Amino acid sequence: KDAALLSREAREYMKKSLTSAFVGYEQAVRKGFIDGYGVCSNGLSLPEGHDMAMSWRDVLECAVDAFVEVKGGDIRPQEKQENHDQQYQRSSLKVIRLPGN
């Protein structure tokens, strides 16, 4: 296999693993064990072409995928009881920290 294909496969594996971890965190939030979760990775501060680079967009995509998996796919706005404004549901990912080292 060529290096580009191996890099794509590694990135997909990383995203699946991160989504799986986020599913666990979303379940913990749903059960009231935690209020939210965050991510800090040296990979977030690496240049895009680096083998270990991770995009903040990938992190957000994994968080949304995990939320949808735990929520059951229904993420449409729900009506608030007190003032009838729409309340948008979202992932419990609270922080993406970009290390500066």
N, C-alpha and C. Protein backbone atom coordinates (compact mmCIF):
# COMPACT_ATOMS: atom_id res chain seq x y z
N LYS A 1 0.84 -1.19 0.00
CA LYS A 1 0.00 0.00 0.00
C LYS A 1 0.88 1.24 0.00
N ASP A 2 0.37 2.28 -0.66
CA ASP A 2 1.16 3.51 -0.68
C ASP A 2 0.91 4.33 0.59
N ALA A 3 1.76 5.30 0.82
CA ALA A 3 1.71 6.09 2.05
C ALA A 3 0.40 6.87 2.19
N ALA A 4 -0.12 7.40 1.10
CA ALA A 4 -1.36 8.18 1.16
C ALA A 4 -2.54 7.30 1.60
N LEU A 5 -2.59 6.08 1.07
CA LEU A 5 -3.67 5.16 1.44
C LEU A 5 -3.55 4.76 2.91
N LEU A 6 -2.34 4.47 3.35
CA LEU A 6 -2.13 4.12 4.76
C LEU A 6 -2.51 5.28 5.68
N SER A 7 -2.20 6.49 5.27
CA SER A 7 -2.54 7.66 6.06
C SER A 7 -4.06 7.83 6.15
N ARG A 8 -4.77 7.65 5.05
CA ARG A 8 -6.24 7.74 5.06
C ARG A 8 -6.85 6.66 5.95
N GLU A 9 -6.33 5.44 5.85
CA GLU A 9 -6.83 4.35 6.68
C GLU A 9 -6.59 4.63 8.17
N ALA A 10 -5.42 5.17 8.49
CA ALA A 10 -5.09 5.49 9.88
C ALA A 10 -6.02 6.59 10.40
N ARG A 11 -6.30 7.58 9.56
CA ARG A 11 -7.19 8.67 9.96
C ARG A 11 -8.61 8.16 10.20
N GLU A 12 -9.09 7.29 9.34
CA GLU A 12 -10.42 6.71 9.52
C GLU A 12 -10.49 5.86 10.79
N TYR A 13 -9.44 5.12 11.07
CA TYR A 13 -9.38 4.32 12.29
C TYR A 13 -9.41 5.23 13.52
N MET A 14 -8.65 6.32 13.46
CA MET A 14 -8.61 7.28 14.56
C MET A 14 -10.00 7.88 14.77
N LYS A 15 -10.68 8.24 13.69
CA LYS A 15 -12.02 8.84 13.82
C LYS A 15 -13.02 7.85 14.39
N LYS A 16 -12.94 6.59 13.99
CA LYS A 16 -13.84 5.57 14.55
C LYS A 16 -13.57 5.38 16.04
N SER A 17 -12.30 5.36 16.41
CA SER A 17 -11.93 5.19 17.83
C SER A 17 -12.38 6.39 18.66
N LEU A 18 -12.19 7.59 18.13
CA LEU A 18 -12.60 8.80 18.83
C LEU A 18 -14.12 8.84 18.98
N THR A 19 -14.84 8.49 17.92
CA THR A 19 -16.30 8.45 17.99
C THR A 19 -16.76 7.46 19.04
N SER A 20 -16.12 6.30 19.11
CA SER A 20 -16.47 5.30 20.10
C SER A 20 -16.26 5.83 21.52
N ALA A 21 -15.15 6.52 21.75
CA ALA A 21 -14.90 7.12 23.07
C ALA A 21 -15.96 8.18 23.38
N PHE A 22 -16.30 9.00 22.39
CA PHE A 22 -17.31 10.04 22.58
C PHE A 22 -18.68 9.45 22.87
N VAL A 23 -18.99 8.30 22.29
CA VAL A 23 -20.26 7.62 22.59
C VAL A 23 -20.32 7.31 24.09
N GLY A 24 -19.22 6.82 24.63
CA GLY A 24 -19.16 6.54 26.06
C GLY A 24 -19.37 7.79 26.90
N TYR A 25 -18.77 8.90 26.48
CA TYR A 25 -18.95 10.16 27.20
C TYR A 25 -20.38 10.67 27.07
N GLU A 26 -20.97 10.58 25.88
CA GLU A 26 -22.36 11.01 25.70
C GLU A 26 -23.30 10.18 26.56
N GLN A 27 -23.03 8.89 26.69
CA GLN A 27 -23.86 8.05 27.56
C GLN A 27 -23.70 8.46 29.02
N ALA A 28 -22.46 8.79 29.42
CA ALA A 28 -22.22 9.23 30.79
C ALA A 28 -22.93 10.55 31.08
N VAL A 29 -22.97 11.44 30.10
CA VAL A 29 -23.70 12.71 30.26
C VAL A 29 -25.19 12.43 30.40
N ARG A 30 -25.69 11.57 29.54
CA ARG A 30 -27.12 11.24 29.57
C ARG A 30 -27.54 10.64 30.91
N LYS A 31 -26.64 9.87 31.53
CA LYS A 31 -26.93 9.25 32.83
C LYS A 31 -26.65 10.18 34.00
N GLY A 32 -26.10 11.35 33.72
CA GLY A 32 -25.84 12.33 34.77
C GLY A 32 -24.53 12.15 35.51
N PHE A 33 -23.64 11.31 34.99
CA PHE A 33 -22.35 11.08 35.64
C PHE A 33 -21.38 12.24 35.42
N ILE A 34 -21.45 12.88 34.26
CA ILE A 34 -20.60 14.02 33.93
C ILE A 34 -21.45 15.08 33.23
N ASP A 35 -20.96 16.31 33.21
CA ASP A 35 -21.68 17.40 32.55
C ASP A 35 -21.28 17.57 31.09
N GLY A 36 -20.09 17.11 30.74
CA GLY A 36 -19.58 17.28 29.39
C GLY A 36 -18.17 16.72 29.32
N TYR A 37 -17.55 16.89 28.19
CA TYR A 37 -16.19 16.37 28.00
C TYR A 37 -15.44 17.27 27.04
N GLY A 38 -14.12 17.08 26.98
CA GLY A 38 -13.27 17.87 26.11
C GLY A 38 -12.15 17.05 25.53
N VAL A 39 -11.42 17.68 24.63
CA VAL A 39 -10.31 17.02 23.94
C VAL A 39 -9.09 17.92 23.97
N CYS A 40 -7.96 17.33 24.26
CA CYS A 40 -6.68 18.02 24.14
C CYS A 40 -5.71 17.03 23.49
N SER A 41 -5.16 17.40 22.38
CA SER A 41 -4.24 16.50 21.67
C SER A 41 -3.17 17.32 20.97
N ASN A 42 -1.95 16.84 21.08
CA ASN A 42 -0.86 17.50 20.34
C ASN A 42 -1.12 17.45 18.85
N GLY A 43 -1.88 16.45 18.39
CA GLY A 43 -2.19 16.34 16.97
C GLY A 43 -3.00 17.51 16.44
N LEU A 44 -3.71 18.21 17.32
CA LEU A 44 -4.52 19.35 16.90
C LEU A 44 -3.67 20.55 16.50
N SER A 45 -2.44 20.62 16.98
CA SER A 45 -1.59 21.76 16.67
C SER A 45 -0.57 21.47 15.57
N LEU A 46 -0.62 20.28 15.01
CA LEU A 46 0.32 19.91 13.95
C LEU A 46 -0.17 20.39 12.58
N PRO A 47 0.75 20.64 11.66
CA PRO A 47 0.35 21.04 10.31
C PRO A 47 -0.47 19.94 9.63
N GLU A 48 -1.36 20.33 8.75
CA GLU A 48 -2.29 19.40 8.10
C GLU A 48 -1.60 18.21 7.43
N GLY A 49 -0.45 18.39 6.85
CA GLY A 49 0.24 17.32 6.15
C GLY A 49 0.96 16.32 7.05
N HIS A 50 1.06 16.61 8.33
CA HIS A 50 1.77 15.75 9.27
C HIS A 50 0.98 14.45 9.49
N ASP A 51 1.69 13.33 9.61
CA ASP A 51 1.05 12.03 9.79
C ASP A 51 0.17 11.95 11.04
N MET A 52 0.53 12.69 12.07
CA MET A 52 -0.20 12.63 13.35
C MET A 52 -1.18 13.80 13.53
N ALA A 53 -1.35 14.60 12.48
CA ALA A 53 -2.23 15.76 12.58
C ALA A 53 -3.69 15.32 12.71
N MET A 54 -4.43 16.09 13.51
CA MET A 54 -5.87 15.84 13.67
C MET A 54 -6.57 17.18 13.54
N SER A 55 -7.57 17.24 12.70
CA SER A 55 -8.31 18.47 12.48
C SER A 55 -9.38 18.66 13.55
N TRP A 56 -9.59 19.91 13.96
CA TRP A 56 -10.67 20.19 14.91
C TRP A 56 -12.02 19.85 14.26
N ARG A 57 -12.08 19.93 12.94
CA ARG A 57 -13.31 19.56 12.24
C ARG A 57 -13.61 18.06 12.40
N ASP A 58 -12.54 17.25 12.36
CA ASP A 58 -12.71 15.81 12.60
C ASP A 58 -13.26 15.56 14.00
N VAL A 59 -12.75 16.30 14.98
CA VAL A 59 -13.20 16.15 16.36
C VAL A 59 -14.70 16.49 16.45
N LEU A 60 -15.10 17.59 15.83
CA LEU A 60 -16.51 17.97 15.85
C LEU A 60 -17.39 16.93 15.16
N GLU A 61 -16.91 16.42 14.03
CA GLU A 61 -17.66 15.39 13.30
C GLU A 61 -17.85 14.15 14.17
N CYS A 62 -16.81 13.74 14.86
CA CYS A 62 -16.90 12.57 15.74
C CYS A 62 -17.88 12.83 16.89
N ALA A 63 -17.86 14.04 17.44
CA ALA A 63 -18.77 14.38 18.53
C ALA A 63 -20.22 14.34 18.07
N VAL A 64 -20.48 14.87 16.89
CA VAL A 64 -21.86 14.84 16.35
C VAL A 64 -22.28 13.41 16.07
N ASP A 65 -21.41 12.62 15.46
CA ASP A 65 -21.74 11.22 15.18
C ASP A 65 -22.06 10.46 16.47
N ALA A 66 -21.28 10.71 17.52
CA ALA A 66 -21.52 10.04 18.80
C ALA A 66 -22.84 10.49 19.41
N PHE A 67 -23.12 11.78 19.34
CA PHE A 67 -24.38 12.30 19.87
C PHE A 67 -25.57 11.68 19.15
N VAL A 68 -25.49 11.62 17.83
CA VAL A 68 -26.59 11.04 17.05
C VAL A 68 -26.76 9.57 17.39
N GLU A 69 -25.65 8.85 17.56
CA GLU A 69 -25.74 7.42 17.92
C GLU A 69 -26.43 7.23 19.28
N VAL A 70 -26.07 8.05 20.25
CA VAL A 70 -26.64 7.91 21.59
C VAL A 70 -28.08 8.42 21.62
N LYS A 71 -28.34 9.51 20.93
CA LYS A 71 -29.66 10.12 20.93
C LYS A 71 -30.66 9.31 20.09
N GLY A 72 -30.15 8.53 19.15
CA GLY A 72 -31.04 7.73 18.32
C GLY A 72 -31.37 8.38 17.00
N GLY A 73 -30.62 9.37 16.61
CA GLY A 73 -30.81 9.96 15.30
C GLY A 73 -31.79 11.12 15.26
N ASP A 74 -32.56 11.35 16.31
CA ASP A 74 -33.53 12.44 16.32
C ASP A 74 -32.94 13.65 17.01
N ILE A 75 -32.38 14.56 16.22
CA ILE A 75 -31.74 15.74 16.80
C ILE A 75 -32.46 17.02 16.36
N ARG A 76 -33.72 16.89 15.94
CA ARG A 76 -34.50 18.06 15.56
C ARG A 76 -34.75 18.93 16.79
N PRO A 77 -34.98 20.23 16.57
CA PRO A 77 -35.28 21.10 17.71
C PRO A 77 -36.52 20.63 18.45
N GLN A 78 -36.50 20.80 19.76
CA GLN A 78 -37.66 20.45 20.57
C GLN A 78 -38.24 21.72 21.17
N GLU A 79 -39.53 21.72 21.40
CA GLU A 79 -40.19 22.88 22.00
C GLU A 79 -39.88 22.95 23.49
N LYS A 80 -39.53 24.13 23.96
CA LYS A 80 -39.39 24.36 25.39
C LYS A 80 -40.79 24.52 25.97
N GLN A 81 -41.01 24.05 27.15
CA GLN A 81 -42.33 24.14 27.77
C GLN A 81 -42.66 25.56 28.23
N GLU A 82 -41.67 26.29 28.77
CA GLU A 82 -41.99 27.56 29.41
C GLU A 82 -42.24 28.71 28.44
N ASN A 83 -41.52 28.78 27.31
CA ASN A 83 -41.72 29.93 26.42
C ASN A 83 -41.87 29.55 24.95
N HIS A 84 -41.97 28.29 24.67
CA HIS A 84 -42.23 27.78 23.32
C HIS A 84 -41.14 28.11 22.31
N ASP A 85 -39.97 28.54 22.77
CA ASP A 85 -38.84 28.71 21.86
C ASP A 85 -38.27 27.34 21.52
N GLN A 86 -37.65 27.24 20.35
CA GLN A 86 -37.03 25.97 19.99
C GLN A 86 -35.73 25.81 20.75
N GLN A 87 -35.51 24.62 21.25
CA GLN A 87 -34.28 24.30 21.95
C GLN A 87 -33.51 23.30 21.09
N TYR A 88 -32.34 23.72 20.58
CA TYR A 88 -31.55 22.84 19.75
C TYR A 88 -30.73 21.89 20.62
N GLN A 89 -30.72 20.65 20.22
CA GLN A 89 -29.94 19.65 20.94
C GLN A 89 -28.56 19.61 20.31
N ARG A 90 -27.56 19.32 21.14
CA ARG A 90 -26.19 19.28 20.62
C ARG A 90 -25.34 18.34 21.45
N SER A 91 -24.21 18.03 20.88
CA SER A 91 -23.23 17.19 21.55
C SER A 91 -22.83 17.79 22.88
N SER A 92 -22.35 16.95 23.78
CA SER A 92 -21.88 17.42 25.09
C SER A 92 -20.40 17.76 25.08
N LEU A 93 -19.77 17.75 23.90
CA LEU A 93 -18.39 18.20 23.77
C LEU A 93 -18.33 19.67 24.13
N LYS A 94 -17.56 20.01 25.15
CA LYS A 94 -17.51 21.39 25.65
C LYS A 94 -16.23 22.12 25.27
N VAL A 95 -15.10 21.39 25.14
CA VAL A 95 -13.81 22.04 24.97
C VAL A 95 -12.98 21.28 23.93
N ILE A 96 -12.36 22.04 23.05
CA ILE A 96 -11.29 21.52 22.19
C ILE A 96 -10.09 22.39 22.49
N ARG A 97 -9.08 21.81 23.11
CA ARG A 97 -7.89 22.56 23.53
C ARG A 97 -6.76 22.32 22.53
N LEU A 98 -6.22 23.40 22.04
CA LEU A 98 -5.10 23.33 21.11
C LEU A 98 -3.81 23.63 21.87
N PRO A 99 -3.01 22.59 22.14
CA PRO A 99 -1.78 22.82 22.91
C PRO A 99 -0.80 23.69 22.14
N GLY A 100 -0.06 24.48 22.87
CA GLY A 100 0.91 25.37 22.24
C GLY A 100 2.34 24.93 22.43
N ASN A 101 2.55 23.63 22.63
CA ASN A 101 3.94 23.19 22.85
C ASN A 101 4.56 22.65 21.60
